[in-house]
Amino acid sequence: MLIILYFLALILGIIGAWSINKLAFKWGLIDSPNDRSSHERPTPKGGGIGILAAFTFASLFLKLSFTFWVPIACIALVSFFGDRLDLSPTLRLPLQFIAAILVLLLISDLWPLTSLYSFLLTVFFVVFIVATANWYNFMDGINGIAGITGIVGFGLLAAFNILNVGDSQFTILSICIAFACLGFLPFNIPKAKVFMGDVGSILLGFVFAAIVVLISKSFLDYVCLIGFLFPFYADEFVTMAIRLKDSENLLKPHRRHFYQILANEMGIAHWKVSMGYGILQLIVGLSVLWLRNLGIYAVLSILIIFFIGFIWVNYAFRIRIEKRG
């Protein structure tokens, strides 16, 4: 039965991308290039609707709590309409925070708001979920990067849960999402016939962060799990630091992420950059899984080493570009 479920998730990922590719111009789901874009021609967007369909079907099949999947599905639908109507962040962000709070109601028995500590922890997790959802969206700027990251990230979540005998429902859900991303990917790489859009990237980031919170049983678990999305977090933190140093408005759109520099300024093919990020993500994730039994200091040490390496490579490329410019 599970094989059929995974196959259906794959098919839904394919159907979603194929449908948007055929109907996007009729529905007005077109991403026209501008000075911040990494693409050169109008391209259909919203292909992640198939990933949303797979997530919803899997949640119903697994009989997951409505407080978990309904708020997430609603946020994804809002994002889908945002792909069409270009909704303001002032409207989307409050809805995302509300959805994150509703999702955390699922674990109210683990962290009841009976102390200042539990309240602050809940606030932190709400911000973490919303931030991850939006950062995943910000990182979806070149062909293949969101889909490959989804396959690797959710695959690692499933592996972690299996190794630690976690809730099988979230293991199965993670595998379904990975298969849905796999179904979408051929439409987005090496040349994009369709973009994932906010409906896919916001959904993937939101679900990833929610599952991290829900299956973490300790601080060690949490650190290990966030390591599965290392390239996205590292790129976002480094880019934010650079933009703050340059006194830029963090809310202003840009294309200063490291992956954008590699694809745009360095002229490296999108699929090569995306594969590079996916390989780095897999290496970091497997390292974290391998070192987990050695404790929190071993895991933190390897993540810090990878982060320092990421900063060094980032700096070297940016300096090289400045000299060329």
C-alpha atoms as a PDB file:
ATOM      1  CA  MET A   1       0.000   0.000   0.000  1.00  0.00           C
ATOM      2  CA  LEU A   2       2.832   2.421   0.840  1.00  0.00           C
ATOM      3  CA  ILE A   3       4.448   1.820  -2.549  1.00  0.00           C
ATOM      4  CA  ILE A   4       1.172   2.848  -4.185  1.00  0.00           C
ATOM      5  CA  LEU A   5       1.057   5.967  -1.985  1.00  0.00           C
ATOM      6  CA  TYR A   6       4.613   6.942  -2.958  1.00  0.00           C
ATOM      7  CA  PHE A   7       3.865   6.318  -6.629  1.00  0.00           C
ATOM      8  CA  LEU A   8       0.742   8.475  -6.396  1.00  0.00           C
ATOM      9  CA  ALA A   9       2.786  11.286  -4.792  1.00  0.00           C
ATOM     10  CA  LEU A  10       5.207  11.050  -7.719  1.00  0.00           C
ATOM     11  CA  ILE A  11       2.350  11.182 -10.242  1.00  0.00           C
ATOM     12  CA  LEU A  12       0.720  14.159  -8.498  1.00  0.00           C
ATOM     13  CA  GLY A  13       4.033  16.030  -8.642  1.00  0.00           C
ATOM     14  CA  ILE A  14       4.173  15.337 -12.387  1.00  0.00           C
ATOM     15  CA  ILE A  15       0.528  16.235 -13.046  1.00  0.00           C
ATOM     16  CA  GLY A  16       0.794  19.498 -11.109  1.00  0.00           C
ATOM     17  CA  ALA A  17       3.811  20.698 -13.069  1.00  0.00           C
ATOM     18  CA  TRP A  18       2.410  19.495 -16.403  1.00  0.00           C
ATOM     19  CA  SER A  19      -0.970  21.177 -15.800  1.00  0.00           C
ATOM     20  CA  ILE A  20       0.567  24.534 -14.913  1.00  0.00           C
ATOM     21  CA  ASN A  21       2.837  24.293 -17.933  1.00  0.00           C
ATOM     22  CA  LYS A  22      -0.229  23.895 -20.169  1.00  0.00           C
ATOM     23  CA  LEU A  23      -2.615  26.297 -18.435  1.00  0.00           C
ATOM     24  CA  ALA A  24      -0.366  29.016 -16.979  1.00  0.00           C
ATOM     25  CA  PHE A  25      -0.843  31.565 -19.763  1.00  0.00           C
ATOM     26  CA  LYS A  26      -4.604  31.111 -19.577  1.00  0.00           C
ATOM     27  CA  TRP A  27      -4.623  31.492 -15.783  1.00  0.00           C
ATOM     28  CA  GLY A  28      -2.122  34.362 -15.676  1.00  0.00           C
ATOM     29  CA  LEU A  29       0.503  32.330 -13.803  1.00  0.00           C
ATOM     30  CA  ILE A  30       3.516  33.745 -15.622  1.00  0.00           C
ATOM     31  CA  ASP A  31       6.825  34.873 -14.144  1.00  0.00           C
ATOM     32  CA  SER A  32       8.153  37.649 -16.366  1.00  0.00           C
ATOM     33  CA  PRO A  33      11.901  38.344 -16.024  1.00  0.00           C
ATOM     34  CA  ASN A  34      13.135  41.552 -14.405  1.00  0.00           C
ATOM     35  CA  ASP A  35      16.488  42.922 -13.239  1.00  0.00           C
ATOM     36  CA  ARG A  36      16.472  40.547 -10.225  1.00  0.00           C
ATOM     37  CA  SER A  37      15.573  37.421 -12.199  1.00  0.00           C
ATOM     38  CA  SER A  38      17.884  34.571 -13.119  1.00  0.00           C
ATOM     39  CA  HIS A  39      15.733  33.604 -16.119  1.00  0.00           C
ATOM     40  CA  GLU A  40      15.447  35.374 -19.471  1.00  0.00           C
ATOM     41  CA  ARG A  41      11.969  34.535 -20.789  1.00  0.00           C
ATOM     42  CA  PRO A  42       8.416  34.467 -19.355  1.00  0.00           C
ATOM     43  CA  THR A  43       7.939  31.131 -17.600  1.00  0.00           C
ATOM     44  CA  PRO A  44       4.874  29.466 -16.026  1.00  0.00           C
ATOM     45  CA  LYS A  45       4.923  29.432 -12.227  1.00  0.00           C
ATOM     46  CA  GLY A  46       2.893  27.571  -9.637  1.00  0.00           C
ATOM     47  CA  GLY A  47       4.042  24.075 -10.634  1.00  0.00           C
ATOM     48  CA  GLY A  48       4.336  23.200  -6.948  1.00  0.00           C
ATOM     49  CA  ILE A  49       0.561  22.742  -6.838  1.00  0.00           C
ATOM     50  CA  GLY A  50       1.186  19.039  -7.458  1.00  0.00           C
ATOM     51  CA  ILE A  51       3.385  18.879  -4.343  1.00  0.00           C
ATOM     52  CA  LEU A  52       0.527  20.477  -2.388  1.00  0.00           C
ATOM     53  CA  ALA A  53      -1.857  17.839  -3.768  1.00  0.00           C
ATOM     54  CA  ALA A  54       0.534  15.063  -2.706  1.00  0.00           C
ATOM     55  CA  PHE A  55       0.938  16.584   0.768  1.00  0.00           C
ATOM     56  CA  THR A  56      -2.827  16.888   1.225  1.00  0.00           C
ATOM     57  CA  PHE A  57      -3.591  13.373  -0.010  1.00  0.00           C
ATOM     58  CA  ALA A  58      -0.841  11.833   2.123  1.00  0.00           C
ATOM     59  CA  SER A  59      -2.060  13.731   5.204  1.00  0.00           C
ATOM     60  CA  LEU A  60      -5.594  12.435   4.669  1.00  0.00           C
ATOM     61  CA  PHE A  61      -4.354   8.890   4.024  1.00  0.00           C
ATOM     62  CA  LEU A  62      -2.222   8.947   7.190  1.00  0.00           C
ATOM     63  CA  LYS A  63      -5.064  10.539   9.183  1.00  0.00           C
ATOM     64  CA  LEU A  64      -2.794  13.291  10.447  1.00  0.00           C
ATOM     65  CA  SER A  65      -4.267  15.858  12.811  1.00  0.00           C
ATOM     66  CA  PHE A  66      -6.243  18.584  11.065  1.00  0.00           C
ATOM     67  CA  THR A  67      -4.364  21.141  13.178  1.00  0.00           C
ATOM     68  CA  PHE A  68      -1.209  20.045  11.363  1.00  0.00           C
ATOM     69  CA  TRP A  69      -2.042  19.815   7.679  1.00  0.00           C
ATOM     70  CA  VAL A  70      -5.065  22.108   7.180  1.00  0.00           C
ATOM     71  CA  PRO A  71      -3.294  25.365   8.205  1.00  0.00           C
ATOM     72  CA  ILE A  72      -0.302  24.418   6.042  1.00  0.00           C
ATOM     73  CA  ALA A  73      -2.505  23.582   3.048  1.00  0.00           C
ATOM     74  CA  CYS A  74      -4.332  26.896   3.463  1.00  0.00           C
ATOM     75  CA  ILE A  75      -1.055  28.827   3.510  1.00  0.00           C
ATOM     76  CA  ALA A  76       0.026  26.989   0.352  1.00  0.00           C
ATOM     77  CA  LEU A  77      -3.248  27.913  -1.346  1.00  0.00           C
ATOM     78  CA  VAL A  78      -2.804  31.548  -0.329  1.00  0.00           C
ATOM     79  CA  SER A  79       0.691  31.338  -1.827  1.00  0.00           C
ATOM     80  CA  PHE A  80      -0.777  29.874  -5.019  1.00  0.00           C
ATOM     81  CA  PHE A  81      -3.097  32.862  -5.371  1.00  0.00           C
ATOM     82  CA  GLY A  82      -0.107  35.017  -4.492  1.00  0.00           C
ATOM     83  CA  ASP A  83       1.611  33.600  -7.569  1.00  0.00           C
ATOM     84  CA  ARG A  84      -1.325  35.002  -9.541  1.00  0.00           C
ATOM     85  CA  LEU A  85      -2.117  38.220  -7.683  1.00  0.00           C
ATOM     86  CA  ASP A  86       1.258  39.177  -6.152  1.00  0.00           C
ATOM     87  CA  LEU A  87      -0.094  39.440  -2.584  1.00  0.00           C
ATOM     88  CA  SER A  88       1.661  41.840  -0.230  1.00  0.00           C
ATOM     89  CA  PRO A  89       3.922  40.414   2.537  1.00  0.00           C
ATOM     90  CA  THR A  90       1.872  42.462   5.015  1.00  0.00           C
ATOM     91  CA  LEU A  91      -1.036  40.151   4.218  1.00  0.00           C
ATOM     92  CA  ARG A  92       0.854  36.876   3.861  1.00  0.00           C
ATOM     93  CA  LEU A  93       3.071  37.091   6.953  1.00  0.00           C
ATOM     94  CA  PRO A  94       0.269  37.398   9.559  1.00  0.00           C
ATOM     95  CA  LEU A  95      -1.488  34.425   7.946  1.00  0.00           C
ATOM     96  CA  GLN A  96       1.737  32.416   8.094  1.00  0.00           C
ATOM     97  CA  PHE A  97       2.197  33.210  11.790  1.00  0.00           C
ATOM     98  CA  ILE A  98      -1.387  32.184  12.521  1.00  0.00           C
ATOM     99  CA  ALA A  99      -0.864  28.921  10.629  1.00  0.00           C
ATOM    100  CA  ALA A 100       2.364  28.205  12.540  1.00  0.00           C
ATOM    101  CA  ILE A 101       0.613  28.780  15.870  1.00  0.00           C
ATOM    102  CA  LEU A 102      -2.182  26.414  14.862  1.00  0.00           C
ATOM    103  CA  VAL A 103       0.324  23.760  13.826  1.00  0.00           C
ATOM    104  CA  LEU A 104       2.066  24.006  17.211  1.00  0.00           C
ATOM    105  CA  LEU A 105      -1.228  23.242  18.920  1.00  0.00           C
ATOM    106  CA  LEU A 106      -0.478  19.661  17.918  1.00  0.00           C
ATOM    107  CA  ILE A 107       2.378  19.552  20.428  1.00  0.00           C
ATOM    108  CA  SER A 108       0.717  21.566  23.185  1.00  0.00           C
ATOM    109  CA  ASP A 109       0.941  18.462  25.382  1.00  0.00           C
ATOM    110  CA  LEU A 110       4.757  18.567  25.050  1.00  0.00           C
ATOM    111  CA  TRP A 111       5.211  22.292  25.667  1.00  0.00           C
ATOM    112  CA  PRO A 112       2.153  23.625  27.496  1.00  0.00           C
ATOM    113  CA  LEU A 113       2.316  27.374  27.985  1.00  0.00           C
ATOM    114  CA  THR A 114       2.578  27.116  31.756  1.00  0.00           C
ATOM    115  CA  SER A 115       5.908  28.907  32.195  1.00  0.00           C
ATOM    116  CA  LEU A 116       7.956  31.704  30.690  1.00  0.00           C
ATOM    117  CA  TYR A 117      10.335  29.102  29.257  1.00  0.00           C
ATOM    118  CA  SER A 118       7.607  27.178  27.443  1.00  0.00           C
ATOM    119  CA  PHE A 119       6.109  30.427  26.138  1.00  0.00           C
ATOM    120  CA  LEU A 120       9.457  31.665  24.780  1.00  0.00           C
ATOM    121  CA  LEU A 121      10.155  28.236  23.273  1.00  0.00           C
ATOM    122  CA  THR A 122       6.822  28.283  21.479  1.00  0.00           C
ATOM    123  CA  VAL A 123       7.448  31.808  20.180  1.00  0.00           C
ATOM    124  CA  PHE A 124      10.865  30.690  18.934  1.00  0.00           C
ATOM    125  CA  PHE A 125       9.375  27.714  17.077  1.00  0.00           C
ATOM    126  CA  VAL A 126       6.666  29.851  15.490  1.00  0.00           C
ATOM    127  CA  VAL A 127       9.294  32.286  14.186  1.00  0.00           C
ATOM    128  CA  PHE A 128      11.463  29.349  13.084  1.00  0.00           C
ATOM    129  CA  ILE A 129       8.658  27.824  11.012  1.00  0.00           C
ATOM    130  CA  VAL A 130       7.692  31.098   9.331  1.00  0.00           C
ATOM    131  CA  ALA A 131      11.326  32.072   8.702  1.00  0.00           C
ATOM    132  CA  THR A 132      12.169  28.689   7.172  1.00  0.00           C
ATOM    133  CA  ALA A 133       9.111  28.858   4.896  1.00  0.00           C
ATOM    134  CA  ASN A 134      10.131  32.260   3.571  1.00  0.00           C
ATOM    135  CA  TRP A 135      13.833  31.469   3.352  1.00  0.00           C
ATOM    136  CA  TYR A 136      13.038  28.371   1.300  1.00  0.00           C
ATOM    137  CA  ASN A 137      11.043  30.679  -0.962  1.00  0.00           C
ATOM    138  CA  PHE A 138      13.936  33.163  -1.216  1.00  0.00           C
ATOM    139  CA  MET A 139      16.305  30.340  -2.166  1.00  0.00           C
ATOM    140  CA  ASP A 140      14.050  29.160  -4.991  1.00  0.00           C
ATOM    141  CA  GLY A 141      15.680  31.370  -7.602  1.00  0.00           C
ATOM    142  CA  ILE A 142      17.327  29.065 -10.138  1.00  0.00           C
ATOM    143  CA  ASN A 143      16.300  25.928 -11.967  1.00  0.00           C
ATOM    144  CA  GLY A 144      16.213  22.784  -9.871  1.00  0.00           C
ATOM    145  CA  ILE A 145      17.416  24.118  -6.530  1.00  0.00           C
ATOM    146  CA  ALA A 146      14.094  23.894  -4.646  1.00  0.00           C
ATOM    147  CA  GLY A 147      13.210  20.475  -6.050  1.00  0.00           C
ATOM    148  CA  ILE A 148      16.613  18.897  -5.401  1.00  0.00           C
ATOM    149  CA  THR A 149      16.722  20.376  -1.907  1.00  0.00           C
ATOM    150  CA  GLY A 150      13.233  18.997  -1.248  1.00  0.00           C
ATOM    151  CA  ILE A 151      14.235  15.492  -2.304  1.00  0.00           C
ATOM    152  CA  VAL A 152      17.397  15.473  -0.192  1.00  0.00           C
ATOM    153  CA  GLY A 153      15.941  17.327   2.807  1.00  0.00           C
ATOM    154  CA  PHE A 154      12.803  15.253   3.215  1.00  0.00           C
ATOM    155  CA  GLY A 155      14.730  12.087   2.435  1.00  0.00           C
ATOM    156  CA  LEU A 156      17.085  12.896   5.314  1.00  0.00           C
ATOM    157  CA  LEU A 157      14.126  13.632   7.608  1.00  0.00           C
ATOM    158  CA  ALA A 158      12.712  10.196   6.803  1.00  0.00           C
ATOM    159  CA  ALA A 159      16.098   8.538   7.408  1.00  0.00           C
ATOM    160  CA  PHE A 160      16.491  10.288  10.766  1.00  0.00           C
ATOM    161  CA  ASN A 161      13.023   9.217  11.847  1.00  0.00           C
ATOM    162  CA  ILE A 162      13.609   5.612  10.798  1.00  0.00           C
ATOM    163  CA  LEU A 163      16.962   5.409  12.596  1.00  0.00           C
ATOM    164  CA  ASN A 164      15.446   6.871  15.766  1.00  0.00           C
ATOM    165  CA  VAL A 165      12.179   4.920  15.588  1.00  0.00           C
ATOM    166  CA  GLY A 166      10.165   8.106  15.334  1.00  0.00           C
ATOM    167  CA  ASP A 167       6.554   8.607  14.348  1.00  0.00           C
ATOM    168  CA  SER A 168       6.068   6.527  11.205  1.00  0.00           C
ATOM    169  CA  GLN A 169       3.430   8.961   9.937  1.00  0.00           C
ATOM    170  CA  PHE A 170       6.007  11.731   9.503  1.00  0.00           C
ATOM    171  CA  THR A 171       8.439   9.278   7.925  1.00  0.00           C
ATOM    172  CA  ILE A 172       5.856   8.329   5.309  1.00  0.00           C
ATOM    173  CA  LEU A 173       4.802  11.950   4.783  1.00  0.00           C
ATOM    174  CA  SER A 174       8.440  13.000   4.250  1.00  0.00           C
ATOM    175  CA  ILE A 175       8.958  10.257   1.671  1.00  0.00           C
ATOM    176  CA  CYS A 176       5.758  11.279  -0.140  1.00  0.00           C
ATOM    177  CA  ILE A 177       6.921  14.887  -0.366  1.00  0.00           C
ATOM    178  CA  ALA A 178      10.338  13.766  -1.640  1.00  0.00           C
ATOM    179  CA  PHE A 179       8.622  11.736  -4.385  1.00  0.00           C
ATOM    180  CA  ALA A 180       6.354  14.677  -5.279  1.00  0.00           C
ATOM    181  CA  CYS A 181       9.463  16.873  -5.664  1.00  0.00           C
ATOM    182  CA  LEU A 182      10.992  14.155  -7.841  1.00  0.00           C
ATOM    183  CA  GLY A 183       7.901  14.229 -10.062  1.00  0.00           C
ATOM    184  CA  PHE A 184       8.115  18.015 -10.409  1.00  0.00           C
ATOM    185  CA  LEU A 185      11.865  18.173 -11.056  1.00  0.00           C
ATOM    186  CA  PRO A 186      11.993  17.116 -14.768  1.00  0.00           C
ATOM    187  CA  PHE A 187       9.826  20.155 -15.612  1.00  0.00           C
ATOM    188  CA  ASN A 188      12.282  22.482 -13.871  1.00  0.00           C
ATOM    189  CA  ILE A 189      15.730  21.177 -14.798  1.00  0.00           C
ATOM    190  CA  PRO A 190      17.985  21.534 -16.753  1.00  0.00           C
ATOM    191  CA  LYS A 191      15.795  24.099 -18.571  1.00  0.00           C
ATOM    192  CA  ALA A 192      12.717  25.307 -16.721  1.00  0.00           C
ATOM    193  CA  LYS A 193       9.409  24.643 -18.436  1.00  0.00           C
ATOM    194  CA  VAL A 194       7.680  25.675 -15.216  1.00  0.00           C
ATOM    195  CA  PHE A 195       8.687  27.202 -11.875  1.00  0.00           C
ATOM    196  CA  MET A 196       7.641  25.782  -8.526  1.00  0.00           C
ATOM    197  CA  GLY A 197       6.266  29.139  -7.380  1.00  0.00           C
ATOM    198  CA  ASP A 198       5.398  30.232  -3.852  1.00  0.00           C
ATOM    199  CA  VAL A 199       2.802  27.464  -3.561  1.00  0.00           C
ATOM    200  CA  GLY A 200       5.617  24.904  -3.671  1.00  0.00           C
ATOM    201  CA  SER A 201       8.525  26.664  -1.976  1.00  0.00           C
ATOM    202  CA  ILE A 202       6.518  28.116   0.926  1.00  0.00           C
ATOM    203  CA  LEU A 203       4.874  24.722   1.416  1.00  0.00           C
ATOM    204  CA  LEU A 204       8.179  22.815   1.460  1.00  0.00           C
ATOM    205  CA  GLY A 205       9.803  25.222   3.902  1.00  0.00           C
ATOM    206  CA  PHE A 206       6.759  25.278   6.164  1.00  0.00           C
ATOM    207  CA  VAL A 207       6.360  21.491   6.247  1.00  0.00           C
ATOM    208  CA  PHE A 208      10.082  20.896   6.724  1.00  0.00           C
ATOM    209  CA  ALA A 209      10.260  23.234   9.722  1.00  0.00           C
ATOM    210  CA  ALA A 210       7.017  21.882  11.210  1.00  0.00           C
ATOM    211  CA  ILE A 211       8.253  18.289  11.002  1.00  0.00           C
ATOM    212  CA  VAL A 212      11.580  19.322  12.557  1.00  0.00           C
ATOM    213  CA  VAL A 213       9.747  20.793  15.537  1.00  0.00           C
ATOM    214  CA  LEU A 214       7.343  17.872  15.859  1.00  0.00           C
ATOM    215  CA  ILE A 215       9.915  15.060  15.797  1.00  0.00           C
ATOM    216  CA  SER A 216      12.614  16.792  17.861  1.00  0.00           C
ATOM    217  CA  LYS A 217      12.858  15.153  21.267  1.00  0.00           C
ATOM    218  CA  SER A 218      15.894  17.127  22.419  1.00  0.00           C
ATOM    219  CA  PHE A 219      18.137  20.042  21.522  1.00  0.00           C
ATOM    220  CA  LEU A 220      20.486  17.527  19.879  1.00  0.00           C
ATOM    221  CA  ASP A 221      17.665  16.303  17.644  1.00  0.00           C
ATOM    222  CA  TYR A 222      16.764  19.859  16.680  1.00  0.00           C
ATOM    223  CA  VAL A 223      20.345  20.774  15.737  1.00  0.00           C
ATOM    224  CA  CYS A 224      20.713  17.571  13.697  1.00  0.00           C
ATOM    225  CA  LEU A 225      17.455  18.141  11.845  1.00  0.00           C
ATOM    226  CA  ILE A 226      18.082  21.761  10.891  1.00  0.00           C
ATOM    227  CA  GLY A 227      21.443  20.567   9.544  1.00  0.00           C
ATOM    228  CA  PHE A 228      19.493  18.750   6.820  1.00  0.00           C
ATOM    229  CA  LEU A 229      18.737  22.123   5.232  1.00  0.00           C
ATOM    230  CA  PHE A 230      22.248  23.471   5.817  1.00  0.00           C
ATOM    231  CA  PRO A 231      22.969  25.108   2.391  1.00  0.00           C
ATOM    232  CA  PHE A 232      19.758  27.150   2.514  1.00  0.00           C
ATOM    233  CA  TYR A 233      20.267  28.335   6.094  1.00  0.00           C
ATOM    234  CA  ALA A 234      23.966  29.063   5.505  1.00  0.00           C
ATOM    235  CA  ASP A 235      23.347  31.013   2.293  1.00  0.00           C
ATOM    236  CA  GLU A 236      20.550  33.020   3.879  1.00  0.00           C
ATOM    237  CA  PHE A 237      22.520  33.929   7.025  1.00  0.00           C
ATOM    238  CA  VAL A 238      25.646  34.905   5.091  1.00  0.00           C
ATOM    239  CA  THR A 239      23.658  36.971   2.590  1.00  0.00           C
ATOM    240  CA  MET A 240      21.753  38.732   5.367  1.00  0.00           C
ATOM    241  CA  ALA A 241      25.055  39.587   7.107  1.00  0.00           C
ATOM    242  CA  ILE A 242      26.515  41.008   3.881  1.00  0.00           C
ATOM    243  CA  ARG A 243      23.425  43.072   3.176  1.00  0.00           C
ATOM    244  CA  LEU A 244      23.342  44.416   6.737  1.00  0.00           C
ATOM    245  CA  LYS A 245      27.021  45.371   6.399  1.00  0.00           C
ATOM    246  CA  ASP A 246      26.134  47.258   3.237  1.00  0.00           C
ATOM    247  CA  SER A 247      23.196  48.966   5.002  1.00  0.00           C
ATOM    248  CA  GLU A 248      20.633  47.411   2.647  1.00  0.00           C
ATOM    249  CA  ASN A 249      16.952  47.055   3.444  1.00  0.00           C
ATOM    250  CA  LEU A 250      16.443  43.335   4.148  1.00  0.00           C
ATOM    251  CA  LEU A 251      12.860  43.571   2.926  1.00  0.00           C
ATOM    252  CA  LYS A 252      13.953  44.820  -0.490  1.00  0.00           C
ATOM    253  CA  PRO A 253      14.192  42.163  -3.253  1.00  0.00           C
ATOM    254  CA  HIS A 254      17.704  41.353  -4.405  1.00  0.00           C
ATOM    255  CA  ARG A 255      19.856  38.720  -6.044  1.00  0.00           C
ATOM    256  CA  ARG A 256      22.880  38.612  -3.784  1.00  0.00           C
ATOM    257  CA  HIS A 257      22.515  35.041  -2.557  1.00  0.00           C
ATOM    258  CA  PHE A 258      25.593  32.943  -3.197  1.00  0.00           C
ATOM    259  CA  TYR A 259      23.714  30.584  -5.505  1.00  0.00           C
ATOM    260  CA  GLN A 260      22.588  33.589  -7.569  1.00  0.00           C
ATOM    261  CA  ILE A 261      26.149  34.871  -7.821  1.00  0.00           C
ATOM    262  CA  LEU A 262      27.334  31.463  -9.039  1.00  0.00           C
ATOM    263  CA  ALA A 263      24.571  31.271 -11.656  1.00  0.00           C
ATOM    264  CA  ASN A 264      24.460  34.917 -12.744  1.00  0.00           C
ATOM    265  CA  GLU A 265      27.825  36.592 -12.216  1.00  0.00           C
ATOM    266  CA  MET A 266      29.934  33.432 -12.633  1.00  0.00           C
ATOM    267  CA  GLY A 267      27.797  32.058 -15.448  1.00  0.00           C
ATOM    268  CA  ILE A 268      27.647  28.508 -14.054  1.00  0.00           C
ATOM    269  CA  ALA A 269      24.726  26.471 -15.410  1.00  0.00           C
ATOM    270  CA  HIS A 270      21.743  26.455 -13.067  1.00  0.00           C
ATOM    271  CA  TRP A 271      21.595  22.682 -12.838  1.00  0.00           C
ATOM    272  CA  LYS A 272      25.252  22.508 -11.822  1.00  0.00           C
ATOM    273  CA  VAL A 273      24.752  25.024  -9.016  1.00  0.00           C
ATOM    274  CA  SER A 274      21.591  23.232  -7.861  1.00  0.00           C
ATOM    275  CA  MET A 275      23.308  19.844  -7.928  1.00  0.00           C
ATOM    276  CA  GLY A 276      26.231  21.329  -6.007  1.00  0.00           C
ATOM    277  CA  TYR A 277      23.908  22.587  -3.289  1.00  0.00           C
ATOM    278  CA  GLY A 278      22.167  19.208  -3.194  1.00  0.00           C
ATOM    279  CA  ILE A 279      25.467  17.326  -2.866  1.00  0.00           C
ATOM    280  CA  LEU A 280      26.622  19.675  -0.083  1.00  0.00           C
ATOM    281  CA  GLN A 281      23.275  19.210   1.648  1.00  0.00           C
ATOM    282  CA  LEU A 282      23.608  15.425   1.451  1.00  0.00           C
ATOM    283  CA  ILE A 283      27.204  15.441   2.725  1.00  0.00           C
ATOM    284  CA  VAL A 284      26.292  17.651   5.692  1.00  0.00           C
ATOM    285  CA  GLY A 285      23.176  15.599   6.444  1.00  0.00           C
ATOM    286  CA  LEU A 286      25.001  12.257   6.378  1.00  0.00           C
ATOM    287  CA  SER A 287      27.794  13.713   8.521  1.00  0.00           C
ATOM    288  CA  VAL A 288      25.258  14.838  11.094  1.00  0.00           C
ATOM    289  CA  LEU A 289      23.574  11.422  11.129  1.00  0.00           C
ATOM    290  CA  TRP A 290      26.955   9.730  11.533  1.00  0.00           C
ATOM    291  CA  LEU A 291      28.083  11.966  14.409  1.00  0.00           C
ATOM    292  CA  ARG A 292      24.766  12.138  16.271  1.00  0.00           C
ATOM    293  CA  ASN A 293      25.635   9.323  18.669  1.00  0.00           C
ATOM    294  CA  LEU A 294      28.745  11.259  19.744  1.00  0.00           C
ATOM    295  CA  GLY A 295      26.588  14.034  21.176  1.00  0.00           C
ATOM    296  CA  ILE A 296      25.724  17.685  20.701  1.00  0.00           C
ATOM    297  CA  TYR A 297      29.306  19.006  20.707  1.00  0.00           C
ATOM    298  CA  ALA A 298      30.337  16.718  17.852  1.00  0.00           C
ATOM    299  CA  VAL A 299      27.314  17.735  15.771  1.00  0.00           C
ATOM    300  CA  LEU A 300      27.754  21.439  16.476  1.00  0.00           C
ATOM    301  CA  SER A 301      31.468  21.197  15.680  1.00  0.00           C
ATOM    302  CA  ILE A 302      30.924  19.649  12.238  1.00  0.00           C
ATOM    303  CA  LEU A 303      28.189  22.169  11.394  1.00  0.00           C
ATOM    304  CA  ILE A 304      30.462  25.046  12.431  1.00  0.00           C
ATOM    305  CA  ILE A 305      33.286  23.630  10.284  1.00  0.00           C
ATOM    306  CA  PHE A 306      30.963  23.370   7.277  1.00  0.00           C
ATOM    307  CA  PHE A 307      29.668  26.894   7.932  1.00  0.00           C
ATOM    308  CA  ILE A 308      33.182  28.359   8.120  1.00  0.00           C
ATOM    309  CA  GLY A 309      34.010  26.562   4.878  1.00  0.00           C
ATOM    310  CA  PHE A 310      30.875  27.967   3.257  1.00  0.00           C
ATOM    311  CA  ILE A 311      31.805  31.497   4.375  1.00  0.00           C
ATOM    312  CA  TRP A 312      35.349  31.093   3.025  1.00  0.00           C
ATOM    313  CA  VAL A 313      34.204  29.863  -0.402  1.00  0.00           C
ATOM    314  CA  ASN A 314      31.543  32.580  -0.485  1.00  0.00           C
ATOM    315  CA  TYR A 315      34.095  35.270   0.308  1.00  0.00           C
ATOM    316  CA  ALA A 316      36.585  33.948  -2.256  1.00  0.00           C
ATOM    317  CA  PHE A 317      34.045  34.039  -5.073  1.00  0.00           C
ATOM    318  CA  ARG A 318      32.742  37.483  -4.145  1.00  0.00           C
ATOM    319  CA  ILE A 319      36.280  38.898  -4.072  1.00  0.00           C
ATOM    320  CA  ARG A 320      36.967  37.318  -7.437  1.00  0.00           C
ATOM    321  CA  ILE A 321      33.879  38.946  -8.908  1.00  0.00           C
ATOM    322  CA  GLU A 322      34.793  42.354  -7.440  1.00  0.00           C
ATOM    323  CA  LYS A 323      38.221  42.125  -9.076  1.00  0.00           C
ATOM    324  CA  ARG A 324      36.636  41.194 -12.399  1.00  0.00           C
ATOM    325  CA  GLY A 325      34.184  44.075 -12.068  1.00  0.00           C
END
